């Protein structure tokens, strides 16, 4: 899951080298933490959070195959 988030984020930002993804796995859920450069924050979040919502939707769809709950958090 974290690889998927990393690939999507690297295509969106101007500084792909500064994209960091951390995956915290629990028993029933996975939390994926996405960190990008401060100037790229708007590109990952999008207007009214539309891009962030789209990223979360894609990841949740991929997680259904593994019967896991996944949440994506964008960290400043």
Foldseek 3Di string as FASTA:
>chain_A
DQVLVLVVLLVQFPCSVQWDWDWDDDDAAIEIEIEGPPVRVCSCQDVVRPNVVVSQVVVQVVCVVVNHHYDYHYDD
